[in-house]
């Protein structure tokens, strides 16, 4: 829903998962270009999800949504393989700006 509010309703396919384990299975089967995950989720947290995807060789750009502000925790997220962090709470325009910046990195690296 937030992605739709940010203007990504056309030309993009979105899938949602209710927990980290479902997200892992979905990401492995679907192989998306961009994954946005929350830090705190049931079954498997976002950092575990990112570490597992990274170990499995995922090429997806991974973003983390979190209210976490501790520099050590944020450093752990980047070490796990996060490409960008979006702080909670955020507006649709902040989501759009963050995604546009992330997608520009994909476009320039191909």
PDB file of N, CA and C in Angstrom:
ATOM      1  N   UNK A   1       0.804  -1.203   0.000  1.00  0.00           N
ATOM      2  CA  UNK A   1       0.000   0.000   0.000  1.00  0.00           C
ATOM      3  C   UNK A   1       0.853   1.275   0.000  1.00  0.00           C
ATOM      4  N   UNK A   2       1.930   1.327   0.777  1.00  0.00           N
ATOM      5  CA  UNK A   2       2.772   2.530   0.793  1.00  0.00           C
ATOM      6  C   UNK A   2       3.439   2.746  -0.563  1.00  0.00           C
ATOM      7  N   UNK A   3       3.798   1.674  -1.232  1.00  0.00           N
ATOM      8  CA  UNK A   3       4.411   1.821  -2.550  1.00  0.00           C
ATOM      9  C   UNK A   3       3.418   2.406  -3.541  1.00  0.00           C
ATOM     10  N   UNK A   4       2.175   2.010  -3.424  1.00  0.00           N
ATOM     11  CA  UNK A   4       1.149   2.572  -4.297  1.00  0.00           C
ATOM     12  C   UNK A   4       0.959   4.056  -4.007  1.00  0.00           C
ATOM     13  N   UNK A   5       0.992   4.429  -2.731  1.00  0.00           N
ATOM     14  CA  UNK A   5       0.859   5.840  -2.362  1.00  0.00           C
ATOM     15  C   UNK A   5       2.033   6.659  -2.886  1.00  0.00           C
ATOM     16  N   UNK A   6       3.187   6.011  -3.046  1.00  0.00           N
ATOM     17  CA  UNK A   6       4.379   6.715  -3.527  1.00  0.00           C
ATOM     18  C   UNK A   6       4.427   6.790  -5.048  1.00  0.00           C
ATOM     19  N   UNK A   7       3.422   6.237  -5.716  1.00  0.00           N
ATOM     20  CA  UNK A   7       3.334   6.384  -7.165  1.00  0.00           C
ATOM     21  C   UNK A   7       3.902   5.233  -7.961  1.00  0.00           C
ATOM     22  N   UNK A   8       4.010   4.057  -7.377  1.00  0.00           N
ATOM     23  CA  UNK A   8       4.573   2.911  -8.086  1.00  0.00           C
ATOM     24  C   UNK A   8       3.509   1.911  -8.504  1.00  0.00           C
ATOM     25  N   UNK A   9       2.320   2.395  -8.857  1.00  0.00           N
ATOM     26  CA  UNK A   9       1.225   1.481  -9.160  1.00  0.00           C
ATOM     27  C   UNK A   9       1.306   0.862 -10.547  1.00  0.00           C
ATOM     28  N   UNK A  10       1.984   1.489 -11.483  1.00  0.00           N
ATOM     29  CA  UNK A  10       2.001   0.971 -12.849  1.00  0.00           C
ATOM     30  C   UNK A  10       3.389   0.471 -13.236  1.00  0.00           C
ATOM     31  N   UNK A  11       3.419  -0.660 -13.920  1.00  0.00           N
ATOM     32  CA  UNK A  11       4.663  -1.162 -14.467  1.00  0.00           C
ATOM     33  C   UNK A  11       5.553  -1.878 -13.471  1.00  0.00           C
ATOM     34  N   UNK A  12       5.038  -2.137 -12.288  1.00  0.00           N
ATOM     35  CA  UNK A  12       5.833  -2.814 -11.262  1.00  0.00           C
ATOM     36  C   UNK A  12       5.002  -3.912 -10.634  1.00  0.00           C
ATOM     37  N   UNK A  13       5.670  -4.958 -10.251  1.00  0.00           N
ATOM     38  CA  UNK A  13       4.994  -6.050  -9.570  1.00  0.00           C
ATOM     39  C   UNK A  13       5.449  -6.054  -8.114  1.00  0.00           C
ATOM     40  N   UNK A  14       4.505  -6.146  -7.193  1.00  0.00           N
ATOM     41  CA  UNK A  14       4.793  -6.140  -5.764  1.00  0.00           C
ATOM     42  C   UNK A  14       4.248  -7.401  -5.133  1.00  0.00           C
ATOM     43  N   UNK A  15       4.978  -7.905  -4.163  1.00  0.00           N
ATOM     44  CA  UNK A  15       4.498  -9.032  -3.374  1.00  0.00           C
ATOM     45  C   UNK A  15       4.797  -8.723  -1.924  1.00  0.00           C
ATOM     46  N   UNK A  16       3.916  -9.154  -1.035  1.00  0.00           N
ATOM     47  CA  UNK A  16       4.076  -8.933   0.391  1.00  0.00           C
ATOM     48  C   UNK A  16       4.133 -10.264   1.111  1.00  0.00           C
ATOM     49  N   UNK A  17       4.862 -10.280   2.219  1.00  0.00           N
ATOM     50  CA  UNK A  17       4.969 -11.484   3.049  1.00  0.00           C
ATOM     51  C   UNK A  17       4.603 -11.112   4.476  1.00  0.00           C
ATOM     52  N   UNK A  18       3.925 -12.023   5.148  1.00  0.00           N
ATOM     53  CA  UNK A  18       3.475 -11.729   6.509  1.00  0.00           C
ATOM     54  C   UNK A  18       4.537 -11.967   7.576  1.00  0.00           C
ATOM     55  N   UNK A  19       5.645 -12.621   7.202  1.00  0.00           N
ATOM     56  CA  UNK A  19       6.730 -12.812   8.159  1.00  0.00           C
ATOM     57  C   UNK A  19       8.036 -13.066   7.404  1.00  0.00           C
ATOM     58  N   UNK A  20       9.128 -13.140   8.142  1.00  0.00           N
ATOM     59  CA  UNK A  20      10.438 -13.288   7.523  1.00  0.00           C
ATOM     60  C   UNK A  20      10.646 -14.589   6.769  1.00  0.00           C
ATOM     61  N   UNK A  21      10.125 -15.685   7.287  1.00  0.00           N
ATOM     62  CA  UNK A  21      10.295 -16.973   6.601  1.00  0.00           C
ATOM     63  C   UNK A  21       9.552 -16.997   5.271  1.00  0.00           C
ATOM     64  N   UNK A  22       8.353 -16.449   5.261  1.00  0.00           N
ATOM     65  CA  UNK A  22       7.593 -16.372   4.017  1.00  0.00           C
ATOM     66  C   UNK A  22       8.313 -15.439   3.037  1.00  0.00           C
ATOM     67  N   UNK A  23       8.861 -14.349   3.555  1.00  0.00           N
ATOM     68  CA  UNK A  23       9.603 -13.413   2.704  1.00  0.00           C
ATOM     69  C   UNK A  23      10.816 -14.088   2.073  1.00  0.00           C
ATOM     70  N   UNK A  24      11.519 -14.917   2.831  1.00  0.00           N
ATOM     71  CA  UNK A  24      12.681 -15.628   2.300  1.00  0.00           C
ATOM     72  C   UNK A  24      12.269 -16.559   1.163  1.00  0.00           C
ATOM     73  N   UNK A  25      11.240 -17.341   1.380  1.00  0.00           N
ATOM     74  CA  UNK A  25      10.771 -18.266   0.340  1.00  0.00           C
ATOM     75  C   UNK A  25      10.311 -17.498  -0.897  1.00  0.00           C
ATOM     76  N   UNK A  26       9.604 -16.425  -0.679  1.00  0.00           N
ATOM     77  CA  UNK A  26       9.105 -15.608  -1.789  1.00  0.00           C
ATOM     78  C   UNK A  26      10.261 -15.001  -2.576  1.00  0.00           C
ATOM     79  N   UNK A  27      11.240 -14.449  -1.874  1.00  0.00           N
ATOM     80  CA  UNK A  27      12.385 -13.819  -2.536  1.00  0.00           C
ATOM     81  C   UNK A  27      13.202 -14.840  -3.321  1.00  0.00           C
ATOM     82  N   UNK A  28      13.344 -16.034  -2.785  1.00  0.00           N
ATOM     83  CA  UNK A  28      14.120 -17.066  -3.486  1.00  0.00           C
ATOM     84  C   UNK A  28      13.396 -17.558  -4.730  1.00  0.00           C
ATOM     85  N   UNK A  29      12.080 -17.679  -4.655  1.00  0.00           N
ATOM     86  CA  UNK A  29      11.304 -18.141  -5.809  1.00  0.00           C
ATOM     87  C   UNK A  29      11.138 -17.055  -6.867  1.00  0.00           C
ATOM     88  N   UNK A  30      10.920 -15.834  -6.434  1.00  0.00           N
ATOM     89  CA  UNK A  30      10.575 -14.737  -7.327  1.00  0.00           C
ATOM     90  C   UNK A  30      11.797 -13.994  -7.849  1.00  0.00           C
ATOM     91  N   UNK A  31      12.831 -13.859  -7.040  1.00  0.00           N
ATOM     92  CA  UNK A  31      14.069 -13.151  -7.368  1.00  0.00           C
ATOM     93  C   UNK A  31      13.806 -11.701  -7.807  1.00  0.00           C
ATOM     94  N   UNK A  32      13.273 -10.891  -6.889  1.00  0.00           N
ATOM     95  CA  UNK A  32      12.977  -9.490  -7.222  1.00  0.00           C
ATOM     96  C   UNK A  32      14.243  -8.647  -7.350  1.00  0.00           C
ATOM     97  N   UNK A  33      14.105  -7.486  -7.966  1.00  0.00           N
ATOM     98  CA  UNK A  33      15.219  -6.546  -8.083  1.00  0.00           C
ATOM     99  C   UNK A  33      15.465  -5.800  -6.780  1.00  0.00           C
ATOM    100  N   UNK A  34      14.382  -5.488  -6.066  1.00  0.00           N
ATOM    101  CA  UNK A  34      14.472  -4.729  -4.822  1.00  0.00           C
ATOM    102  C   UNK A  34      13.616  -5.422  -3.762  1.00  0.00           C
ATOM    103  N   UNK A  35      14.172  -5.534  -2.568  1.00  0.00           N
ATOM    104  CA  UNK A  35      13.449  -6.080  -1.425  1.00  0.00           C
ATOM    105  C   UNK A  35      13.454  -5.012  -0.340  1.00  0.00           C
ATOM    106  N   UNK A  36      12.289  -4.748   0.219  1.00  0.00           N
ATOM    107  CA  UNK A  36      12.188  -3.835   1.353  1.00  0.00           C
ATOM    108  C   UNK A  36      11.629  -4.642   2.508  1.00  0.00           C
ATOM    109  N   UNK A  37      12.380  -4.701   3.586  1.00  0.00           N
ATOM    110  CA  UNK A  37      11.981  -5.491   4.741  1.00  0.00           C
ATOM    111  C   UNK A  37      11.994  -4.656   5.999  1.00  0.00           C
ATOM    112  N   UNK A  38      11.164  -5.047   6.930  1.00  0.00           N
ATOM    113  CA  UNK A  38      11.175  -4.437   8.251  1.00  0.00           C
ATOM    114  C   UNK A  38      12.246  -5.139   9.074  1.00  0.00           C
ATOM    115  N   UNK A  39      12.777  -4.461  10.069  1.00  0.00           N
ATOM    116  CA  UNK A  39      13.760  -5.084  10.953  1.00  0.00           C
ATOM    117  C   UNK A  39      13.069  -6.122  11.826  1.00  0.00           C
ATOM    118  N   UNK A  40      11.968  -5.733  12.445  1.00  0.00           N
ATOM    119  CA  UNK A  40      11.294  -6.604  13.411  1.00  0.00           C
ATOM    120  C   UNK A  40      10.097  -7.269  12.753  1.00  0.00           C
ATOM    121  N   UNK A  41      10.225  -8.597  12.571  1.00  0.00           N
ATOM    122  CA  UNK A  41       9.151  -9.400  11.982  1.00  0.00           C
ATOM    123  C   UNK A  41       9.079 -10.718  12.733  1.00  0.00           C
ATOM    124  N   UNK A  42       7.927 -11.365  12.721  1.00  0.00           N
ATOM    125  CA  UNK A  42       7.839 -12.694  13.324  1.00  0.00           C
ATOM    126  C   UNK A  42       8.574 -13.735  12.466  1.00  0.00           C
ATOM    127  N   UNK A  43       8.915 -14.827  13.083  1.00  0.00           N
ATOM    128  CA  UNK A  43       9.532 -15.994  12.441  1.00  0.00           C
ATOM    129  C   UNK A  43      11.002 -15.796  12.080  1.00  0.00           C
ATOM    130  N   UNK A  44      11.361 -14.670  11.521  1.00  0.00           N
ATOM    131  CA  UNK A  44      12.742 -14.366  11.141  1.00  0.00           C
ATOM    132  C   UNK A  44      12.828 -12.852  11.017  1.00  0.00           C
ATOM    133  N   UNK A  45      13.760 -12.234  11.753  1.00  0.00           N
ATOM    134  CA  UNK A  45      13.811 -10.776  11.657  1.00  0.00           C
ATOM    135  C   UNK A  45      14.488 -10.334  10.359  1.00  0.00           C
ATOM    136  N   UNK A  46      14.422  -9.047  10.081  1.00  0.00           N
ATOM    137  CA  UNK A  46      14.940  -8.512   8.825  1.00  0.00           C
ATOM    138  C   UNK A  46      16.429  -8.744   8.633  1.00  0.00           C
ATOM    139  N   UNK A  47      17.209  -8.644   9.710  1.00  0.00           N
ATOM    140  CA  UNK A  47      18.650  -8.860   9.595  1.00  0.00           C
ATOM    141  C   UNK A  47      18.941 -10.318   9.233  1.00  0.00           C
ATOM    142  N   UNK A  48      18.243 -11.243   9.875  1.00  0.00           N
ATOM    143  CA  UNK A  48      18.410 -12.665   9.527  1.00  0.00           C
ATOM    144  C   UNK A  48      18.014 -12.913   8.069  1.00  0.00           C
ATOM    145  N   UNK A  49      16.939 -12.287   7.642  1.00  0.00           N
ATOM    146  CA  UNK A  49      16.496 -12.425   6.252  1.00  0.00           C
ATOM    147  C   UNK A  49      17.573 -11.922   5.300  1.00  0.00           C
ATOM    148  N   UNK A  50      18.109 -10.749   5.573  1.00  0.00           N
ATOM    149  CA  UNK A  50      19.132 -10.153   4.715  1.00  0.00           C
ATOM    150  C   UNK A  50      20.392 -11.018   4.696  1.00  0.00           C
ATOM    151  N   UNK A  51      20.829 -11.471   5.859  1.00  0.00           N
ATOM    152  CA  UNK A  51      22.025 -12.318   5.924  1.00  0.00           C
ATOM    153  C   UNK A  51      21.825 -13.605   5.135  1.00  0.00           C
ATOM    154  N   UNK A  52      20.648 -14.198   5.256  1.00  0.00           N
ATOM    155  CA  UNK A  52      20.361 -15.441   4.530  1.00  0.00           C
ATOM    156  C   UNK A  52      20.317 -15.192   3.026  1.00  0.00           C
ATOM    157  N   UNK A  53      19.659 -14.135   2.611  1.00  0.00           N
ATOM    158  CA  UNK A  53      19.612 -13.816   1.182  1.00  0.00           C
ATOM    159  C   UNK A  53      21.012 -13.553   0.627  1.00  0.00           C
ATOM    160  N   UNK A  54      21.823 -12.836   1.383  1.00  0.00           N
ATOM    161  CA  UNK A  54      23.189 -12.536   0.957  1.00  0.00           C
ATOM    162  C   UNK A  54      24.000 -13.825   0.820  1.00  0.00           C
ATOM    163  N   UNK A  55      23.880 -14.715   1.808  1.00  0.00           N
ATOM    164  CA  UNK A  55      24.593 -16.008   1.741  1.00  0.00           C
ATOM    165  C   UNK A  55      24.152 -16.831   0.542  1.00  0.00           C
ATOM    166  N   UNK A  56      22.898 -16.713   0.177  1.00  0.00           N
ATOM    167  CA  UNK A  56      22.358 -17.489  -0.950  1.00  0.00           C
ATOM    168  C   UNK A  56      22.621 -16.819  -2.292  1.00  0.00           C
ATOM    169  N   UNK A  57      23.339 -15.700  -2.275  1.00  0.00           N
ATOM    170  CA  UNK A  57      23.739 -15.062  -3.523  1.00  0.00           C
ATOM    171  C   UNK A  57      22.689 -14.188  -4.173  1.00  0.00           C
ATOM    172  N   UNK A  58      21.740 -13.681  -3.393  1.00  0.00           N
ATOM    173  CA  UNK A  58      20.717 -12.810  -3.961  1.00  0.00           C
ATOM    174  C   UNK A  58      21.355 -11.567  -4.567  1.00  0.00           C
ATOM    175  N   UNK A  59      20.868 -11.177  -5.733  1.00  0.00           N
ATOM    176  CA  UNK A  59      21.331  -9.965  -6.396  1.00  0.00           C
ATOM    177  C   UNK A  59      20.411  -8.780  -6.132  1.00  0.00           C
ATOM    178  N   UNK A  60      19.395  -8.974  -5.310  1.00  0.00           N
ATOM    179  CA  UNK A  60      18.429  -7.912  -5.041  1.00  0.00           C
ATOM    180  C   UNK A  60      19.068  -6.792  -4.227  1.00  0.00           C
ATOM    181  N   UNK A  61      18.650  -5.582  -4.517  1.00  0.00           N
ATOM    182  CA  UNK A  61      18.993  -4.459  -3.658  1.00  0.00           C
ATOM    183  C   UNK A  61      18.046  -4.560  -2.467  1.00  0.00           C
ATOM    184  N   UNK A  62      18.596  -4.500  -1.266  1.00  0.00           N
ATOM    185  CA  UNK A  62      17.783  -4.712  -0.077  1.00  0.00           C
ATOM    186  C   UNK A  62      17.736  -3.443   0.763  1.00  0.00           C
ATOM    187  N   UNK A  63      16.517  -3.026   1.066  1.00  0.00           N
ATOM    188  CA  UNK A  63      16.293  -1.881   1.935  1.00  0.00           C
ATOM    189  C   UNK A  63      15.685  -2.336   3.242  1.00  0.00           C
ATOM    190  N   UNK A  64      15.997  -1.620   4.292  1.00  0.00           N
ATOM    191  CA  UNK A  64      15.501  -1.956   5.620  1.00  0.00           C
ATOM    192  C   UNK A  64      14.687  -0.793   6.153  1.00  0.00           C
ATOM    193  N   UNK A  65      13.486  -1.097   6.623  1.00  0.00           N
ATOM    194  CA  UNK A  65      12.621  -0.117   7.254  1.00  0.00           C
ATOM    195  C   UNK A  65      12.720  -0.346   8.757  1.00  0.00           C
ATOM    196  N   UNK A  66      13.060   0.718   9.492  1.00  0.00           N
ATOM    197  CA  UNK A  66      13.242   0.536  10.926  1.00  0.00           C
ATOM    198  C   UNK A  66      13.119   1.842  11.683  1.00  0.00           C
ATOM    199  N   UNK A  67      12.794   1.723  12.947  1.00  0.00           N
ATOM    200  CA  UNK A  67      12.827   2.875  13.844  1.00  0.00           C
ATOM    201  C   UNK A  67      14.134   2.880  14.633  1.00  0.00           C
ATOM    202  N   UNK A  68      14.982   1.900  14.373  1.00  0.00           N
ATOM    203  CA  UNK A  68      16.274   1.772  15.054  1.00  0.00           C
ATOM    204  C   UNK A  68      17.157   2.968  14.726  1.00  0.00           C
ATOM    205  N   UNK A  69      17.799   3.525  15.732  1.00  0.00           N
ATOM    206  CA  UNK A  69      18.674   4.679  15.533  1.00  0.00           C
ATOM    207  C   UNK A  69      20.089   4.441  16.063  1.00  0.00           C
ATOM    208  N   UNK A  70      20.293   3.347  16.783  1.00  0.00           N
ATOM    209  CA  UNK A  70      21.605   3.058  17.372  1.00  0.00           C
ATOM    210  C   UNK A  70      22.633   2.819  16.262  1.00  0.00           C
ATOM    211  N   UNK A  71      23.720   3.598  16.228  1.00  0.00           N
ATOM    212  CA  UNK A  71      24.715   3.464  15.160  1.00  0.00           C
ATOM    213  C   UNK A  71      25.299   2.055  15.033  1.00  0.00           C
ATOM    214  N   UNK A  72      25.474   1.349  16.138  1.00  0.00           N
ATOM    215  CA  UNK A  72      26.010  -0.015  16.071  1.00  0.00           C
ATOM    216  C   UNK A  72      25.023  -0.965  15.405  1.00  0.00           C
ATOM    217  N   UNK A  73      23.747  -0.810  15.711  1.00  0.00           N
ATOM    218  CA  UNK A  73      22.736  -1.652  15.072  1.00  0.00           C
ATOM    219  C   UNK A  73      22.628  -1.344  13.577  1.00  0.00           C
ATOM    220  N   UNK A  74      22.681  -0.068  13.238  1.00  0.00           N
ATOM    221  CA  UNK A  74      22.611   0.310  11.826  1.00  0.00           C
ATOM    222  C   UNK A  74      23.840  -0.181  11.062  1.00  0.00           C
ATOM    223  N   UNK A  75      25.002  -0.134  11.703  1.00  0.00           N
ATOM    224  CA  UNK A  75      26.221  -0.663  11.079  1.00  0.00           C
ATOM    225  C   UNK A  75      26.078  -2.167  10.839  1.00  0.00           C
ATOM    226  N   UNK A  76      25.467  -2.865  11.785  1.00  0.00           N
ATOM    227  CA  UNK A  76      25.225  -4.308  11.610  1.00  0.00           C
ATOM    228  C   UNK A  76      24.344  -4.566  10.388  1.00  0.00           C
ATOM    229  N   UNK A  77      23.353  -3.710  10.196  1.00  0.00           N
ATOM    230  CA  UNK A  77      22.462  -3.864   9.043  1.00  0.00           C
ATOM    231  C   UNK A  77      23.245  -3.720   7.742  1.00  0.00           C
ATOM    232  N   UNK A  78      24.112  -2.713   7.652  1.00  0.00           N
ATOM    233  CA  UNK A  78      24.898  -2.534   6.432  1.00  0.00           C
ATOM    234  C   UNK A  78      25.881  -3.685   6.236  1.00  0.00           C
ATOM    235  N   UNK A  79      26.450  -4.197   7.327  1.00  0.00           N
ATOM    236  CA  UNK A  79      27.347  -5.358   7.231  1.00  0.00           C
ATOM    237  C   UNK A  79      26.596  -6.582   6.728  1.00  0.00           C
ATOM    238  N   UNK A  80      25.324  -6.686   7.066  1.00  0.00           N
ATOM    239  CA  UNK A  80      24.506  -7.826   6.630  1.00  0.00           C
ATOM    240  C   UNK A  80      24.197  -7.768   5.144  1.00  0.00           C
ATOM    241  N   UNK A  81      24.274  -6.563   4.545  1.00  0.00           N
ATOM    242  CA  UNK A  81      24.013  -6.456   3.117  1.00  0.00           C
ATOM    243  C   UNK A  81      22.957  -5.438   2.731  1.00  0.00           C
ATOM    244  N   UNK A  82      22.515  -4.612   3.670  1.00  0.00           N
ATOM    245  CA  UNK A  82      21.511  -3.594   3.370  1.00  0.00           C
ATOM    246  C   UNK A  82      22.107  -2.535   2.453  1.00  0.00           C
ATOM    247  N   UNK A  83      21.342  -2.136   1.466  1.00  0.00           N
ATOM    248  CA  UNK A  83      21.756  -1.069   0.557  1.00  0.00           C
ATOM    249  C   UNK A  83      21.271   0.294   1.022  1.00  0.00           C
ATOM    250  N   UNK A  84      20.103   0.323   1.646  1.00  0.00           N
ATOM    251  CA  UNK A  84      19.561   1.585   2.142  1.00  0.00           C
ATOM    252  C   UNK A  84      18.663   1.328   3.340  1.00  0.00           C
ATOM    253  N   UNK A  85      18.540   2.342   4.188  1.00  0.00           N
ATOM    254  CA  UNK A  85      17.682   2.272   5.363  1.00  0.00           C
ATOM    255  C   UNK A  85      16.677   3.410   5.283  1.00  0.00           C
ATOM    256  N   UNK A  86      15.430   3.082   5.537  1.00  0.00           N
ATOM    257  CA  UNK A  86      14.353   4.060   5.572  1.00  0.00           C
ATOM    258  C   UNK A  86      13.834   4.100   7.004  1.00  0.00           C
ATOM    259  N   UNK A  87      13.999   5.245   7.655  1.00  0.00           N
ATOM    260  CA  UNK A  87      13.586   5.378   9.046  1.00  0.00           C
ATOM    261  C   UNK A  87      12.086   5.529   9.197  1.00  0.00           C
ATOM    262  N   UNK A  88      11.565   4.884  10.230  1.00  0.00           N
ATOM    263  CA  UNK A  88      10.146   5.017  10.573  1.00  0.00           C
ATOM    264  C   UNK A  88       9.993   6.193  11.515  1.00  0.00           C
ATOM    265  N   UNK A  89       8.915   6.880  11.470  1.00  0.00           N
ATOM    266  CA  UNK A  89       7.884   6.827  10.433  1.00  0.00           C
ATOM    267  C   UNK A  89       8.367   7.551   9.179  1.00  0.00           C
ATOM    268  N   UNK A  90       7.769   7.227   8.062  1.00  0.00           N
ATOM    269  CA  UNK A  90       8.138   7.883   6.810  1.00  0.00           C
ATOM    270  C   UNK A  90       6.894   8.202   6.006  1.00  0.00           C
ATOM    271  N   UNK A  91       7.028   9.171   5.144  1.00  0.00           N
ATOM    272  CA  UNK A  91       5.913   9.594   4.293  1.00  0.00           C
ATOM    273  C   UNK A  91       6.047   8.914   2.925  1.00  0.00           C
ATOM    274  N   UNK A  92       4.988   8.901   2.146  1.00  0.00           N
ATOM    275  CA  UNK A  92       5.102   8.357   0.786  1.00  0.00           C
ATOM    276  C   UNK A  92       6.189   9.061  -0.030  1.00  0.00           C
ATOM    277  N   UNK A  93       6.342  10.363   0.149  1.00  0.00           N
ATOM    278  CA  UNK A  93       7.374  11.078  -0.614  1.00  0.00           C
ATOM    279  C   UNK A  93       8.782  10.682  -0.167  1.00  0.00           C
ATOM    280  N   UNK A  94       8.977  10.405   1.125  1.00  0.00           N
ATOM    281  CA  UNK A  94      10.281   9.932   1.599  1.00  0.00           C
ATOM    282  C   UNK A  94      10.582   8.541   1.044  1.00  0.00           C
ATOM    283  N   UNK A  95       9.565   7.692   0.983  1.00  0.00           N
ATOM    284  CA  UNK A  95       9.731   6.373   0.383  1.00  0.00           C
ATOM    285  C   UNK A  95      10.103   6.505  -1.081  1.00  0.00           C
ATOM    286  N   UNK A  96       9.402   7.363  -1.790  1.00  0.00           N
ATOM    287  CA  UNK A  96       9.674   7.554  -3.210  1.00  0.00           C
ATOM    288  C   UNK A  96      11.096   8.074  -3.434  1.00  0.00           C
ATOM    289  N   UNK A  97      11.515   9.050  -2.654  1.00  0.00           N
ATOM    290  CA  UNK A  97      12.860   9.605  -2.792  1.00  0.00           C
ATOM    291  C   UNK A  97      13.927   8.548  -2.525  1.00  0.00           C
ATOM    292  N   UNK A  98      13.726   7.753  -1.489  1.00  0.00           N
ATOM    293  CA  UNK A  98      14.684   6.701  -1.154  1.00  0.00           C
ATOM    294  C   UNK A  98      14.750   5.646  -2.251  1.00  0.00           C
ATOM    295  N   UNK A  99      13.579   5.237  -2.748  1.00  0.00           N
ATOM    296  CA  UNK A  99      13.545   4.232  -3.814  1.00  0.00           C
ATOM    297  C   UNK A  99      14.146   4.745  -5.111  1.00  0.00           C
ATOM    298  N   UNK A 100      13.850   5.978  -5.460  1.00  0.00           N
ATOM    299  CA  UNK A 100      14.420   6.545  -6.688  1.00  0.00           C
ATOM    300  C   UNK A 100      15.938   6.569  -6.618  1.00  0.00           C
ATOM    301  N   UNK A 101      16.468   6.925  -5.482  1.00  0.00           N
ATOM    302  CA  UNK A 101      17.916   6.939  -5.292  1.00  0.00           C
ATOM    303  C   UNK A 101      18.485   5.527  -5.413  1.00  0.00           C
ATOM    304  N   UNK A 102      17.818   4.565  -4.788  1.00  0.00           N
ATOM    305  CA  UNK A 102      18.272   3.174  -4.847  1.00  0.00           C
ATOM    306  C   UNK A 102      18.190   2.629  -6.267  1.00  0.00           C
ATOM    307  N   UNK A 103      17.096   2.895  -6.942  1.00  0.00           N
ATOM    308  CA  UNK A 103      16.921   2.399  -8.309  1.00  0.00           C
ATOM    309  C   UNK A 103      17.904   3.054  -9.271  1.00  0.00           C
ATOM    310  N   UNK A 104      18.263   4.290  -9.013  1.00  0.00           N
ATOM    311  CA  UNK A 104      19.268   4.949  -9.847  1.00  0.00           C
ATOM    312  C   UNK A 104      20.601   4.232  -9.744  1.00  0.00           C
ATOM    313  N   UNK A 105      20.907   3.707  -8.574  1.00  0.00           N
ATOM    314  CA  UNK A 105      22.142   2.930  -8.403  1.00  0.00           C
ATOM    315  C   UNK A 105      22.106   1.659  -9.223  1.00  0.00           C
ATOM    316  N   UNK A 106      20.940   1.016  -9.293  1.00  0.00           N
ATOM    317  CA  UNK A 106      20.811  -0.190 -10.118  1.00  0.00           C
ATOM    318  C   UNK A 106      21.002   0.160 -11.577  1.00  0.00           C
ATOM    319  N   UNK A 107      20.363   1.236 -12.033  1.00  0.00           N
ATOM    320  CA  UNK A 107      20.429   1.638 -13.432  1.00  0.00           C
ATOM    321  C   UNK A 107      21.850   1.981 -13.858  1.00  0.00           C
ATOM    322  N   UNK A 108      22.626   2.608 -12.990  1.00  0.00           N
ATOM    323  CA  UNK A 108      23.981   3.002 -13.361  1.00  0.00           C
ATOM    324  C   UNK A 108      24.968   1.853 -13.239  1.00  0.00           C
ATOM    325  N   UNK A 109      24.594   0.785 -12.543  1.00  0.00           N
ATOM    326  CA  UNK A 109      25.516  -0.338 -12.392  1.00  0.00           C
ATOM    327  C   UNK A 109      25.324  -1.399 -13.460  1.00  0.00           C
ATOM    328  N   UNK A 110      24.292  -1.271 -14.291  1.00  0.00           N
ATOM    329  CA  UNK A 110      24.061  -2.278 -15.335  1.00  0.00           C
ATOM    330  C   UNK A 110      24.546  -1.826 -16.672  1.00  0.00           C
TER     331      UNK A 110
END
